[in-house]
Amino acid sequence: MNTSSTQDLVSQLANALLEKRWHLSTAESCTGGLVAATITELAGSSDWFERGYVTYSNSAKSEDIHVSPELITQHGAVSDQVAKAMAIGAKQSSHTEVALSITGIAGPTGGSTQKPVGTVCFAWVLANDAIHSETKLFSGNRQEVRQQACEFSLRKLLELVHSF
């Protein structure tokens, strides 16, 4: 994703969230804060971006955003269930109207037959507590997977905010 299209996407998201007077929080694992960094490149993002959690380890997911350790054990950190719990936890912990989460396997190692490298799970929680989730399989190297995940999460959030 080139810089100008990234800036345009974040600007559109900013306008949509400001129009609704919503604030966003993020919970990121495999992207390691890339979404938050992308958002905060836009001057004035503090008007609508509340905070970002980088919950890379399983214990961080549990301690910082209250994801049940049992849920992680049962489904794995890279799962639809954990992505949903991460988004809910980020929204509740930060008292925002909207939250997104990302958990996945950026590679080059860590994949399996069931969850190959490039598998990324996303969740978005909106102001009415409606939860949307999706799992994608991205290709490319570690940085390309992380960048694609960042872009996808923001594009999907913009779509959901517009449809609210």
C-alpha atoms as a PDB file:
ATOM      1  CA  MET A   1       0.000   0.000   0.000  1.00  0.00           C
ATOM      2  CA  ASN A   2       1.544   3.304  -0.930  1.00  0.00           C
ATOM      3  CA  THR A   3       1.787   6.207   1.458  1.00  0.00           C
ATOM      4  CA  SER A   4      -0.733   8.463  -0.278  1.00  0.00           C
ATOM      5  CA  SER A   5      -3.441   5.771  -0.355  1.00  0.00           C
ATOM      6  CA  THR A   6      -2.740   4.985   3.310  1.00  0.00           C
ATOM      7  CA  GLN A   7      -3.090   8.642   4.234  1.00  0.00           C
ATOM      8  CA  ASP A   8      -6.284   8.897   2.185  1.00  0.00           C
ATOM      9  CA  LEU A   9      -7.770   5.832   3.897  1.00  0.00           C
ATOM     10  CA  VAL A  10      -6.944   7.153   7.372  1.00  0.00           C
ATOM     11  CA  SER A  11      -8.337  10.603   6.457  1.00  0.00           C
ATOM     12  CA  GLN A  12     -11.593   9.024   5.301  1.00  0.00           C
ATOM     13  CA  LEU A  13     -11.791   6.999   8.508  1.00  0.00           C
ATOM     14  CA  ALA A  14     -11.071  10.109  10.577  1.00  0.00           C
ATOM     15  CA  ASN A  15     -13.888  12.012   8.883  1.00  0.00           C
ATOM     16  CA  ALA A  16     -16.334   9.132   9.326  1.00  0.00           C
ATOM     17  CA  LEU A  17     -15.520   8.695  13.021  1.00  0.00           C
ATOM     18  CA  LEU A  18     -15.542  12.450  13.726  1.00  0.00           C
ATOM     19  CA  GLU A  19     -18.925  12.767  12.025  1.00  0.00           C
ATOM     20  CA  LYS A  20     -20.351  10.157  14.395  1.00  0.00           C
ATOM     21  CA  ARG A  21     -18.340  11.469  17.379  1.00  0.00           C
ATOM     22  CA  TRP A  22     -16.863   8.030  17.893  1.00  0.00           C
ATOM     23  CA  HIS A  23     -13.468   7.127  19.279  1.00  0.00           C
ATOM     24  CA  LEU A  24     -11.420   4.124  18.216  1.00  0.00           C
ATOM     25  CA  SER A  25      -9.211   1.728  20.111  1.00  0.00           C
ATOM     26  CA  THR A  26      -7.127  -1.060  18.625  1.00  0.00           C
ATOM     27  CA  ALA A  27      -5.805  -4.392  19.882  1.00  0.00           C
ATOM     28  CA  GLU A  28      -2.979  -5.713  17.726  1.00  0.00           C
ATOM     29  CA  SER A  29      -0.911  -8.837  17.886  1.00  0.00           C
ATOM     30  CA  CYS A  30       0.865  -9.797  14.643  1.00  0.00           C
ATOM     31  CA  THR A  31       0.868  -6.210  13.360  1.00  0.00           C
ATOM     32  CA  GLY A  32       2.691  -5.046  16.487  1.00  0.00           C
ATOM     33  CA  GLY A  33       1.128  -1.584  16.573  1.00  0.00           C
ATOM     34  CA  LEU A  34       1.291  -0.919  12.830  1.00  0.00           C
ATOM     35  CA  VAL A  35      -2.381   0.117  12.731  1.00  0.00           C
ATOM     36  CA  ALA A  36      -1.915   2.575  15.595  1.00  0.00           C
ATOM     37  CA  ALA A  37       1.250   3.936  13.985  1.00  0.00           C
ATOM     38  CA  THR A  38      -0.538   4.351  10.653  1.00  0.00           C
ATOM     39  CA  ILE A  39      -3.411   6.182  12.322  1.00  0.00           C
ATOM     40  CA  THR A  40      -1.188   8.511  14.315  1.00  0.00           C
ATOM     41  CA  GLU A  41       0.699   9.618  11.207  1.00  0.00           C
ATOM     42  CA  LEU A  42      -2.368  11.801  10.595  1.00  0.00           C
ATOM     43  CA  ALA A  43      -2.219  15.109  12.456  1.00  0.00           C
ATOM     44  CA  GLY A  44      -5.242  15.496  14.698  1.00  0.00           C
ATOM     45  CA  SER A  45      -5.797  11.770  15.143  1.00  0.00           C
ATOM     46  CA  SER A  46      -6.047  12.341  18.896  1.00  0.00           C
ATOM     47  CA  ASP A  47      -9.509  13.754  18.208  1.00  0.00           C
ATOM     48  CA  TRP A  48     -10.796  10.269  17.379  1.00  0.00           C
ATOM     49  CA  PHE A  49      -8.106   7.682  18.229  1.00  0.00           C
ATOM     50  CA  GLU A  50      -8.120   6.853  21.944  1.00  0.00           C
ATOM     51  CA  ARG A  51      -5.447   4.159  22.327  1.00  0.00           C
ATOM     52  CA  GLY A  52      -3.853   1.063  20.926  1.00  0.00           C
ATOM     53  CA  TYR A  53      -2.960  -2.119  22.732  1.00  0.00           C
ATOM     54  CA  VAL A  54      -0.115  -4.256  21.414  1.00  0.00           C
ATOM     55  CA  THR A  55      -0.940  -7.612  22.949  1.00  0.00           C
ATOM     56  CA  TYR A  56       1.644  -9.775  21.284  1.00  0.00           C
ATOM     57  CA  SER A  57       1.837 -12.489  23.933  1.00  0.00           C
ATOM     58  CA  ASN A  58      -1.038 -14.573  25.213  1.00  0.00           C
ATOM     59  CA  SER A  59      -0.514 -13.198  28.714  1.00  0.00           C
ATOM     60  CA  ALA A  60      -0.761  -9.632  27.391  1.00  0.00           C
ATOM     61  CA  LYS A  61      -4.057 -10.505  25.728  1.00  0.00           C
ATOM     62  CA  SER A  62      -5.363 -11.788  29.062  1.00  0.00           C
ATOM     63  CA  GLU A  63      -3.867  -9.150  31.352  1.00  0.00           C
ATOM     64  CA  ASP A  64      -4.401  -6.009  29.249  1.00  0.00           C
ATOM     65  CA  ILE A  65      -7.684  -6.649  27.448  1.00  0.00           C
ATOM     66  CA  HIS A  66      -9.171  -9.505  29.477  1.00  0.00           C
ATOM     67  CA  VAL A  67      -9.122 -12.314  26.916  1.00  0.00           C
ATOM     68  CA  SER A  68      -9.803 -15.548  28.771  1.00  0.00           C
ATOM     69  CA  PRO A  69      -6.723 -17.813  28.917  1.00  0.00           C
ATOM     70  CA  GLU A  70      -9.116 -20.742  28.490  1.00  0.00           C
ATOM     71  CA  LEU A  71     -10.411 -19.248  25.239  1.00  0.00           C
ATOM     72  CA  ILE A  72      -6.838 -18.964  23.948  1.00  0.00           C
ATOM     73  CA  THR A  73      -6.083 -22.550  25.001  1.00  0.00           C
ATOM     74  CA  GLN A  74      -9.280 -23.872  23.442  1.00  0.00           C
ATOM     75  CA  HIS A  75      -9.119 -22.051  20.081  1.00  0.00           C
ATOM     76  CA  GLY A  76      -5.555 -20.763  19.779  1.00  0.00           C
ATOM     77  CA  ALA A  77      -4.419 -17.143  19.794  1.00  0.00           C
ATOM     78  CA  VAL A  78      -5.017 -16.973  16.043  1.00  0.00           C
ATOM     79  CA  SER A  79      -8.752 -17.609  15.927  1.00  0.00           C
ATOM     80  CA  ASP A  80     -12.004 -15.843  15.257  1.00  0.00           C
ATOM     81  CA  GLN A  81     -12.991 -16.316  18.899  1.00  0.00           C
ATOM     82  CA  VAL A  82      -9.845 -14.660  20.249  1.00  0.00           C
ATOM     83  CA  ALA A  83     -10.046 -11.818  17.707  1.00  0.00           C
ATOM     84  CA  LYS A  84     -13.598 -11.094  18.877  1.00  0.00           C
ATOM     85  CA  ALA A  85     -12.574 -11.212  22.544  1.00  0.00           C
ATOM     86  CA  MET A  86      -9.645  -8.872  21.803  1.00  0.00           C
ATOM     87  CA  ALA A  87     -11.901  -6.298  20.135  1.00  0.00           C
ATOM     88  CA  ILE A  88     -14.468  -6.487  22.925  1.00  0.00           C
ATOM     89  CA  GLY A  89     -11.719  -6.173  25.533  1.00  0.00           C
ATOM     90  CA  ALA A  90     -10.144  -3.168  23.807  1.00  0.00           C
ATOM     91  CA  LYS A  91     -13.497  -1.405  23.531  1.00  0.00           C
ATOM     92  CA  GLN A  92     -14.399  -2.061  27.161  1.00  0.00           C
ATOM     93  CA  SER A  93     -10.957  -1.260  28.586  1.00  0.00           C
ATOM     94  CA  SER A  94     -10.681   2.023  26.698  1.00  0.00           C
ATOM     95  CA  HIS A  95     -14.346   3.080  26.892  1.00  0.00           C
ATOM     96  CA  THR A  96     -14.475   3.771  23.160  1.00  0.00           C
ATOM     97  CA  GLU A  97     -17.402   3.431  20.807  1.00  0.00           C
ATOM     98  CA  VAL A  98     -15.464   1.380  18.245  1.00  0.00           C
ATOM     99  CA  ALA A  99     -12.604  -1.125  18.383  1.00  0.00           C
ATOM    100  CA  LEU A 100     -10.723  -3.363  16.013  1.00  0.00           C
ATOM    101  CA  SER A 101      -8.422  -6.290  16.644  1.00  0.00           C
ATOM    102  CA  ILE A 102      -5.885  -8.269  14.677  1.00  0.00           C
ATOM    103  CA  THR A 103      -4.235 -11.581  15.524  1.00  0.00           C
ATOM    104  CA  GLY A 104      -2.368 -13.752  13.072  1.00  0.00           C
ATOM    105  CA  ILE A 105       0.732 -15.478  11.786  1.00  0.00           C
ATOM    106  CA  ALA A 106       2.948 -13.047   9.881  1.00  0.00           C
ATOM    107  CA  GLY A 107       5.748 -15.575   9.403  1.00  0.00           C
ATOM    108  CA  PRO A 108       8.104 -16.667   8.231  1.00  0.00           C
ATOM    109  CA  THR A 109       7.605 -19.389  10.873  1.00  0.00           C
ATOM    110  CA  GLY A 110       4.732 -20.313  13.169  1.00  0.00           C
ATOM    111  CA  GLY A 111       2.294 -21.622  10.608  1.00  0.00           C
ATOM    112  CA  SER A 112       0.615 -25.022  10.512  1.00  0.00           C
ATOM    113  CA  THR A 113      -1.507 -27.002   8.069  1.00  0.00           C
ATOM    114  CA  GLN A 114      -4.678 -25.638   9.698  1.00  0.00           C
ATOM    115  CA  LYS A 115      -3.319 -22.092  10.081  1.00  0.00           C
ATOM    116  CA  PRO A 116      -0.622 -21.387   7.503  1.00  0.00           C
ATOM    117  CA  VAL A 117       1.656 -18.363   7.550  1.00  0.00           C
ATOM    118  CA  GLY A 118      -0.390 -15.391   6.392  1.00  0.00           C
ATOM    119  CA  THR A 119      -3.527 -16.387   8.338  1.00  0.00           C
ATOM    120  CA  VAL A 120      -4.903 -13.307  10.075  1.00  0.00           C
ATOM    121  CA  CYS A 121      -8.087 -13.021  12.132  1.00  0.00           C
ATOM    122  CA  PHE A 122      -9.854  -9.682  12.531  1.00  0.00           C
ATOM    123  CA  ALA A 123     -12.741  -8.359  14.589  1.00  0.00           C
ATOM    124  CA  TRP A 124     -14.515  -5.027  14.785  1.00  0.00           C
ATOM    125  CA  VAL A 125     -16.963  -3.911  17.468  1.00  0.00           C
ATOM    126  CA  LEU A 126     -19.223  -0.954  16.757  1.00  0.00           C
ATOM    127  CA  ALA A 127     -21.090   1.472  18.986  1.00  0.00           C
ATOM    128  CA  ASN A 128     -24.101  -0.829  19.277  1.00  0.00           C
ATOM    129  CA  ASP A 129     -21.778  -3.696  20.333  1.00  0.00           C
ATOM    130  CA  ALA A 130     -22.359  -5.498  17.032  1.00  0.00           C
ATOM    131  CA  ILE A 131     -19.321  -7.690  16.381  1.00  0.00           C
ATOM    132  CA  HIS A 132     -18.013  -8.405  12.912  1.00  0.00           C
ATOM    133  CA  SER A 133     -15.152 -10.785  12.262  1.00  0.00           C
ATOM    134  CA  GLU A 134     -13.269 -12.191   9.321  1.00  0.00           C
ATOM    135  CA  THR A 135     -10.253 -14.392   8.671  1.00  0.00           C
ATOM    136  CA  LYS A 136      -8.002 -13.751   5.692  1.00  0.00           C
ATOM    137  CA  LEU A 137      -5.015 -15.516   4.192  1.00  0.00           C
ATOM    138  CA  PHE A 138      -2.424 -13.047   2.935  1.00  0.00           C
ATOM    139  CA  SER A 139       0.653 -13.863   0.894  1.00  0.00           C
ATOM    140  CA  GLY A 140       4.102 -12.340   0.909  1.00  0.00           C
ATOM    141  CA  ASN A 141       6.871 -11.857   3.421  1.00  0.00           C
ATOM    142  CA  ARG A 142       6.388 -10.865   7.048  1.00  0.00           C
ATOM    143  CA  GLN A 143       6.212  -7.127   6.364  1.00  0.00           C
ATOM    144  CA  GLU A 144       3.845  -7.605   3.426  1.00  0.00           C
ATOM    145  CA  VAL A 145       1.467  -9.726   5.522  1.00  0.00           C
ATOM    146  CA  ARG A 146       1.515  -7.134   8.301  1.00  0.00           C
ATOM    147  CA  GLN A 147       0.920  -4.266   5.858  1.00  0.00           C
ATOM    148  CA  GLN A 148      -1.953  -6.083   4.132  1.00  0.00           C
ATOM    149  CA  ALA A 149      -3.520  -6.817   7.529  1.00  0.00           C
ATOM    150  CA  CYS A 150      -3.231  -3.177   8.546  1.00  0.00           C
ATOM    151  CA  GLU A 151      -4.816  -1.934   5.334  1.00  0.00           C
ATOM    152  CA  PHE A 152      -7.587  -4.532   5.406  1.00  0.00           C
ATOM    153  CA  SER A 153      -8.522  -3.745   9.021  1.00  0.00           C
ATOM    154  CA  LEU A 154      -8.823  -0.028   8.310  1.00  0.00           C
ATOM    155  CA  ARG A 155     -10.735  -0.478   5.033  1.00  0.00           C
ATOM    156  CA  LYS A 156     -13.205  -2.854   6.674  1.00  0.00           C
ATOM    157  CA  LEU A 157     -13.671  -0.517   9.640  1.00  0.00           C
ATOM    158  CA  LEU A 158     -14.405   2.375   7.277  1.00  0.00           C
ATOM    159  CA  GLU A 159     -16.967   0.227   5.454  1.00  0.00           C
ATOM    160  CA  LEU A 160     -18.625  -0.783   8.744  1.00  0.00           C
ATOM    161  CA  VAL A 161     -18.738   2.788  10.052  1.00  0.00           C
ATOM    162  CA  HIS A 162     -20.314   3.994   6.793  1.00  0.00           C
ATOM    163  CA  SER A 163     -22.939   1.231   6.946  1.00  0.00           C
ATOM    164  CA  PHE A 164     -23.855   1.907  10.581  1.00  0.00           C
END
